Amino acid sequence: MGAVMGVKDFNNRNDRYTPELGSAALASCDIQINPTMYDTGSNSKGSIMAYRAARADNHDSDTDLNNLHSIVGCARSDASKPMATLGMY
């Protein structure tokens, strides 16, 4: 939920938690973050399936850009260890 709120605040330049979002430097910034959510089911098998789905969706994208920029999730959960291993490659 925190990641979704962070994306929303960035896109709206809402500075309630991050004062820098209200800065003059970001006032003219037209970058918007477009999140895509994948449900891991909070387990290792689900995290691997979600990661593979994200990679496949990114590969099938109509643009030449690599759209997969980050993966956000819990630091310590059943899904974290396999994700950390897969994310290295």
Protein backbone atom coordinates (compact mmCIF):
# COMPACT_ATOMS: atom_id res chain seq x y z
CA MET A 1 0.00 0.00 0.00
CA GLY A 2 2.86 2.37 0.79
CA ALA A 3 4.30 2.00 -2.71
CA VAL A 4 0.93 2.81 -4.29
CA MET A 5 0.58 5.91 -2.10
CA GLY A 6 4.12 6.95 -3.02
CA VAL A 7 3.37 6.66 -6.73
CA LYS A 8 0.15 8.64 -6.32
CA ASP A 9 1.93 11.35 -4.34
CA PHE A 10 4.72 11.57 -6.93
CA ASN A 11 2.31 11.80 -9.85
CA ASN A 12 0.28 14.50 -8.07
CA ARG A 13 3.42 16.19 -6.67
CA ASN A 14 1.84 15.93 -3.23
CA ASP A 15 4.44 17.01 -0.67
CA ARG A 16 2.65 15.88 2.51
CA TYR A 17 5.30 13.21 3.28
CA THR A 18 8.10 14.18 0.90
CA PRO A 19 8.64 17.96 0.88
CA GLU A 20 10.86 17.72 -2.21
CA LEU A 21 7.82 16.86 -4.33
CA GLY A 22 6.61 20.42 -3.84
CA SER A 23 9.91 21.96 -4.95
CA ALA A 24 10.28 24.37 -7.86
CA ALA A 25 12.59 21.86 -9.56
CA LEU A 26 9.77 19.31 -9.81
CA ALA A 27 7.08 21.84 -10.72
CA SER A 28 7.99 21.57 -14.40
CA CYS A 29 8.69 17.81 -14.30
CA ASP A 30 6.25 15.98 -16.55
CA ILE A 31 7.31 12.45 -15.59
CA GLN A 32 4.50 10.20 -14.41
CA ILE A 33 4.91 6.76 -12.88
CA ASN A 34 2.58 4.10 -14.28
CA PRO A 35 2.58 1.17 -11.87
CA THR A 36 1.60 -2.36 -12.76
CA MET A 37 0.65 -4.68 -9.92
CA TYR A 38 1.30 -8.41 -9.74
CA ASP A 39 0.01 -10.49 -6.83
CA THR A 40 2.64 -12.78 -5.32
CA GLY A 41 0.23 -14.47 -2.94
CA SER A 42 2.88 -13.77 -0.28
CA ASN A 43 4.73 -16.97 -1.08
CA SER A 44 7.80 -18.05 -3.03
CA LYS A 45 5.96 -19.80 -5.90
CA GLY A 46 3.63 -16.83 -6.38
CA SER A 47 6.54 -14.38 -6.38
CA ILE A 48 8.36 -16.32 -9.10
CA MET A 49 5.18 -16.51 -11.19
CA ALA A 50 4.56 -12.77 -10.74
CA TYR A 51 8.16 -11.95 -11.65
CA ARG A 52 7.96 -14.06 -14.80
CA ALA A 53 4.64 -12.46 -15.74
CA ALA A 54 6.14 -8.99 -15.29
CA ARG A 55 9.13 -9.89 -17.46
CA ALA A 56 6.88 -11.41 -20.14
CA ASP A 57 4.57 -8.38 -20.14
CA ASN A 58 7.60 -6.11 -20.41
CA HIS A 59 9.00 -8.15 -23.30
CA ASP A 60 5.65 -8.10 -25.13
CA SER A 61 5.37 -4.32 -24.81
CA ASP A 62 4.71 -2.34 -27.99
CA THR A 63 7.50 0.10 -27.20
CA ASP A 64 11.24 -0.28 -27.65
CA LEU A 65 11.79 0.94 -24.10
CA ASN A 66 12.49 -1.37 -21.21
CA ASN A 67 9.46 -0.54 -19.06
CA LEU A 68 10.30 -2.70 -16.06
CA HIS A 69 12.25 -0.36 -13.79
CA SER A 70 11.70 -1.62 -10.27
CA ILE A 71 10.05 -4.20 -8.10
CA VAL A 72 8.64 -3.09 -4.76
CA GLY A 73 7.74 -5.42 -1.94
CA CYS A 74 8.43 -6.51 1.60
CA ALA A 75 12.02 -6.86 2.67
CA ARG A 76 11.33 -9.96 4.73
CA SER A 77 8.69 -12.40 3.57
CA ASP A 78 8.37 -15.81 1.97
CA ALA A 79 8.37 -14.05 -1.40
CA SER A 80 11.55 -12.03 -0.84
CA LYS A 81 14.30 -14.64 -1.04
CA PRO A 82 13.44 -16.06 -4.49
CA MET A 83 12.81 -12.54 -5.79
CA ALA A 84 16.22 -11.39 -4.61
CA THR A 85 17.80 -14.35 -6.37
CA LEU A 86 15.87 -13.81 -9.63
CA GLY A 87 16.39 -10.05 -9.55
CA MET A 88 20.14 -10.49 -9.74
CA TYR A 89 19.92 -11.67 -13.37
